[in-house]
Amino acid sequence: MAMPQIGVSLRPVGGSVVVGQARDHTLTIDRPKEKEGTDTGPMGGELLLLALGGCYVSTFLAALKAEDPQADASEISFQVDGSLVSAPTRFSEVTVQISAPAALQDLISKPLLKAERGCIVHNSIRDAITVRFTHEWR
């Protein structure tokens, strides 16, 4: 039996600009001007952080909805930051900071843990990069 796959396609469109296609979604990828790009889209490293954050947050939202279909996540914010090292340049650590009202702590703690364990991107990179999940209750 064949394993399921996810695929995307990419094509260079001039200079450092690449157009990526995922299903019916198009994304422009580029380098910042200080790295000889034209800054017409996020660079690959930023996309990795967005991929981790997007996977984690969407998995969290599904788990939260399963826990409480009426839950409102609009006051919860997420920040994903990567620390770089060189030779070769790579992320050595990524921090996912969750900021939420203290009143939601009991409701969201279990869905946050489910998201950490269920996110495809986190499961794929965690053996190569230290990923820390931190919480700020306000």
C-alpha atoms as a PDB file:
ATOM      1  CA  MET A   1       0.000   0.000   0.000  1.00  0.00           C
ATOM      2  CA  ALA A   2       1.430   3.398  -0.994  1.00  0.00           C
ATOM      3  CA  MET A   3       2.026   5.966   1.721  1.00  0.00           C
ATOM      4  CA  PRO A   4       0.061   9.228   1.398  1.00  0.00           C
ATOM      5  CA  GLN A   5       2.013  12.147  -0.014  1.00  0.00           C
ATOM      6  CA  ILE A   6       1.771  15.908  -0.075  1.00  0.00           C
ATOM      7  CA  GLY A   7       3.359  17.703  -3.009  1.00  0.00           C
ATOM      8  CA  VAL A   8       3.929  21.244  -4.217  1.00  0.00           C
ATOM      9  CA  SER A   9       5.425  22.638  -7.426  1.00  0.00           C
ATOM     10  CA  LEU A  10       7.824  25.545  -7.912  1.00  0.00           C
ATOM     11  CA  ARG A  11       9.045  27.526 -10.902  1.00  0.00           C
ATOM     12  CA  PRO A  12      11.598  30.343 -11.192  1.00  0.00           C
ATOM     13  CA  VAL A  13      10.055  33.474 -12.741  1.00  0.00           C
ATOM     14  CA  GLY A  14      13.067  35.807 -12.894  1.00  0.00           C
ATOM     15  CA  GLY A  15      15.878  36.949 -10.642  1.00  0.00           C
ATOM     16  CA  SER A  16      15.488  35.356  -7.230  1.00  0.00           C
ATOM     17  CA  VAL A  17      11.685  35.074  -7.466  1.00  0.00           C
ATOM     18  CA  VAL A  18      10.037  31.661  -7.337  1.00  0.00           C
ATOM     19  CA  VAL A  19       6.329  30.930  -7.663  1.00  0.00           C
ATOM     20  CA  GLY A  20       5.080  27.997  -5.608  1.00  0.00           C
ATOM     21  CA  GLN A  21       1.847  26.133  -6.154  1.00  0.00           C
ATOM     22  CA  ALA A  22       0.077  24.069  -3.460  1.00  0.00           C
ATOM     23  CA  ARG A  23      -3.229  22.668  -4.682  1.00  0.00           C
ATOM     24  CA  ASP A  24      -5.082  25.805  -5.934  1.00  0.00           C
ATOM     25  CA  HIS A  25      -2.925  28.207  -3.911  1.00  0.00           C
ATOM     26  CA  THR A  26      -0.093  30.293  -5.355  1.00  0.00           C
ATOM     27  CA  LEU A  27       2.699  31.788  -3.279  1.00  0.00           C
ATOM     28  CA  THR A  28       5.578  34.028  -4.292  1.00  0.00           C
ATOM     29  CA  ILE A  29       8.914  33.243  -2.627  1.00  0.00           C
ATOM     30  CA  ASP A  30      11.849  35.636  -2.757  1.00  0.00           C
ATOM     31  CA  ARG A  31      14.864  36.895  -0.865  1.00  0.00           C
ATOM     32  CA  PRO A  32      15.069  40.228   0.950  1.00  0.00           C
ATOM     33  CA  LYS A  33      16.841  43.095  -0.824  1.00  0.00           C
ATOM     34  CA  GLU A  34      19.835  42.809   1.544  1.00  0.00           C
ATOM     35  CA  LYS A  35      20.310  39.238   0.224  1.00  0.00           C
ATOM     36  CA  GLU A  36      20.156  40.284  -3.455  1.00  0.00           C
ATOM     37  CA  GLY A  37      16.438  39.608  -3.751  1.00  0.00           C
ATOM     38  CA  THR A  38      13.557  41.862  -4.728  1.00  0.00           C
ATOM     39  CA  ASP A  39      11.515  41.231  -1.557  1.00  0.00           C
ATOM     40  CA  THR A  40       8.357  40.238  -3.453  1.00  0.00           C
ATOM     41  CA  GLY A  41       7.561  37.442  -1.004  1.00  0.00           C
ATOM     42  CA  PRO A  42       8.758  35.674   2.116  1.00  0.00           C
ATOM     43  CA  MET A  43      12.024  33.748   1.974  1.00  0.00           C
ATOM     44  CA  GLY A  44      12.235  30.005   2.600  1.00  0.00           C
ATOM     45  CA  GLY A  45      13.226  30.308   6.261  1.00  0.00           C
ATOM     46  CA  GLU A  46      10.218  32.533   6.944  1.00  0.00           C
ATOM     47  CA  LEU A  47       8.021  30.011   5.156  1.00  0.00           C
ATOM     48  CA  LEU A  48       9.353  27.246   7.405  1.00  0.00           C
ATOM     49  CA  LEU A  49       8.353  29.312  10.457  1.00  0.00           C
ATOM     50  CA  LEU A  50       4.967  30.074   8.889  1.00  0.00           C
ATOM     51  CA  ALA A  51       4.520  26.380   8.039  1.00  0.00           C
ATOM     52  CA  LEU A  52       5.232  25.355  11.621  1.00  0.00           C
ATOM     53  CA  GLY A  53       3.020  28.084  13.058  1.00  0.00           C
ATOM     54  CA  GLY A  54       0.208  27.550  10.585  1.00  0.00           C
ATOM     55  CA  CYS A  55       0.205  23.784  11.109  1.00  0.00           C
ATOM     56  CA  TYR A  56       0.327  24.166  14.895  1.00  0.00           C
ATOM     57  CA  VAL A  57      -2.403  26.836  15.071  1.00  0.00           C
ATOM     58  CA  SER A  58      -4.773  25.072  12.660  1.00  0.00           C
ATOM     59  CA  THR A  59      -4.307  21.791  14.572  1.00  0.00           C
ATOM     60  CA  PHE A  60      -4.931  23.695  17.822  1.00  0.00           C
ATOM     61  CA  LEU A  61      -8.124  25.270  16.424  1.00  0.00           C
ATOM     62  CA  ALA A  62      -9.462  21.853  15.366  1.00  0.00           C
ATOM     63  CA  ALA A  63      -8.686  20.421  18.829  1.00  0.00           C
ATOM     64  CA  LEU A  64     -10.258  23.456  20.531  1.00  0.00           C
ATOM     65  CA  LYS A  65     -13.418  23.112  18.430  1.00  0.00           C
ATOM     66  CA  ALA A  66     -13.633  19.415  19.367  1.00  0.00           C
ATOM     67  CA  GLU A  67     -13.300  20.395  23.048  1.00  0.00           C
ATOM     68  CA  ASP A  68     -15.776  23.307  22.895  1.00  0.00           C
ATOM     69  CA  PRO A  69     -17.534  24.113  19.594  1.00  0.00           C
ATOM     70  CA  GLN A  70     -18.400  27.607  20.890  1.00  0.00           C
ATOM     71  CA  ALA A  71     -14.863  28.542  22.014  1.00  0.00           C
ATOM     72  CA  ASP A  72     -13.564  31.887  20.764  1.00  0.00           C
ATOM     73  CA  ALA A  73      -9.866  31.919  19.889  1.00  0.00           C
ATOM     74  CA  SER A  74      -9.749  35.531  18.676  1.00  0.00           C
ATOM     75  CA  GLU A  75      -7.857  36.759  21.766  1.00  0.00           C
ATOM     76  CA  ILE A  76      -5.106  34.137  21.399  1.00  0.00           C
ATOM     77  CA  SER A  77      -1.984  35.105  19.463  1.00  0.00           C
ATOM     78  CA  PHE A  78       1.015  33.124  18.297  1.00  0.00           C
ATOM     79  CA  GLN A  79       4.569  34.266  17.511  1.00  0.00           C
ATOM     80  CA  VAL A  80       7.143  31.940  15.935  1.00  0.00           C
ATOM     81  CA  ASP A  81      10.825  32.948  16.094  1.00  0.00           C
ATOM     82  CA  GLY A  82      13.845  31.049  14.830  1.00  0.00           C
ATOM     83  CA  SER A  83      17.414  31.425  16.110  1.00  0.00           C
ATOM     84  CA  LEU A  84      20.021  31.102  13.376  1.00  0.00           C
ATOM     85  CA  VAL A  85      23.517  29.619  13.493  1.00  0.00           C
ATOM     86  CA  SER A  86      26.012  29.429  10.637  1.00  0.00           C
ATOM     87  CA  ALA A  87      28.258  26.915   8.843  1.00  0.00           C
ATOM     88  CA  PRO A  88      25.845  25.931   7.416  1.00  0.00           C
ATOM     89  CA  THR A  89      23.214  28.605   8.089  1.00  0.00           C
ATOM     90  CA  ARG A  90      20.230  26.950   9.736  1.00  0.00           C
ATOM     91  CA  PHE A  91      17.754  27.269  12.580  1.00  0.00           C
ATOM     92  CA  SER A  92      19.185  25.921  15.826  1.00  0.00           C
ATOM     93  CA  GLU A  93      16.033  26.575  17.818  1.00  0.00           C
ATOM     94  CA  VAL A  94      12.497  27.716  17.174  1.00  0.00           C
ATOM     95  CA  THR A  95      10.214  29.193  19.809  1.00  0.00           C
ATOM     96  CA  VAL A  96       6.434  29.215  19.492  1.00  0.00           C
ATOM     97  CA  GLN A  97       5.057  31.807  21.934  1.00  0.00           C
ATOM     98  CA  ILE A  98       1.362  31.516  22.761  1.00  0.00           C
ATOM     99  CA  SER A  99      -0.239  34.560  24.359  1.00  0.00           C
ATOM    100  CA  ALA A 100      -3.745  34.182  25.768  1.00  0.00           C
ATOM    101  CA  PRO A 101      -5.999  35.560  28.495  1.00  0.00           C
ATOM    102  CA  ALA A 102      -5.470  33.732  31.796  1.00  0.00           C
ATOM    103  CA  ALA A 103      -9.210  33.010  31.884  1.00  0.00           C
ATOM    104  CA  LEU A 104      -8.757  30.648  28.897  1.00  0.00           C
ATOM    105  CA  GLN A 105      -5.898  28.605  30.420  1.00  0.00           C
ATOM    106  CA  ASP A 106      -8.048  25.650  31.522  1.00  0.00           C
ATOM    107  CA  LEU A 107      -9.948  25.550  28.222  1.00  0.00           C
ATOM    108  CA  ILE A 108      -6.962  25.712  25.869  1.00  0.00           C
ATOM    109  CA  SER A 109      -4.195  23.794  27.690  1.00  0.00           C
ATOM    110  CA  LYS A 110      -5.293  20.369  26.406  1.00  0.00           C
ATOM    111  CA  PRO A 111      -5.888  21.530  22.780  1.00  0.00           C
ATOM    112  CA  LEU A 112      -2.452  23.242  22.807  1.00  0.00           C
ATOM    113  CA  LEU A 113      -0.824  19.949  23.825  1.00  0.00           C
ATOM    114  CA  LYS A 114      -2.800  18.063  21.165  1.00  0.00           C
ATOM    115  CA  ALA A 115      -1.572  20.580  18.576  1.00  0.00           C
ATOM    116  CA  GLU A 116       2.042  20.142  19.691  1.00  0.00           C
ATOM    117  CA  ARG A 117       1.731  16.365  19.272  1.00  0.00           C
ATOM    118  CA  GLY A 118      -0.422  16.404  16.130  1.00  0.00           C
ATOM    119  CA  CYS A 119       1.241  19.031  13.910  1.00  0.00           C
ATOM    120  CA  ILE A 120       2.889  17.353  10.879  1.00  0.00           C
ATOM    121  CA  VAL A 121       5.549  20.061  10.576  1.00  0.00           C
ATOM    122  CA  HIS A 122       6.545  19.886  14.257  1.00  0.00           C
ATOM    123  CA  ASN A 123       6.690  16.097  14.121  1.00  0.00           C
ATOM    124  CA  SER A 124       8.891  16.331  11.004  1.00  0.00           C
ATOM    125  CA  ILE A 125      11.460  18.841  12.302  1.00  0.00           C
ATOM    126  CA  ARG A 126      11.618  18.270  16.052  1.00  0.00           C
ATOM    127  CA  ASP A 127      14.506  15.800  15.877  1.00  0.00           C
ATOM    128  CA  ALA A 128      16.569  18.297  13.842  1.00  0.00           C
ATOM    129  CA  ILE A 129      15.607  21.583  15.530  1.00  0.00           C
ATOM    130  CA  THR A 130      14.773  22.291  19.161  1.00  0.00           C
ATOM    131  CA  VAL A 131      11.180  23.577  19.187  1.00  0.00           C
ATOM    132  CA  ARG A 132      10.017  25.253  22.391  1.00  0.00           C
ATOM    133  CA  PHE A 133       6.394  26.079  23.142  1.00  0.00           C
ATOM    134  CA  THR A 134       5.992  28.871  25.683  1.00  0.00           C
ATOM    135  CA  HIS A 135       2.844  30.403  27.168  1.00  0.00           C
ATOM    136  CA  GLU A 136       2.126  33.911  28.318  1.00  0.00           C
ATOM    137  CA  TRP A 137      -1.088  34.181  30.297  1.00  0.00           C
ATOM    138  CA  ARG A 138      -2.376  37.743  30.552  1.00  0.00           C
END
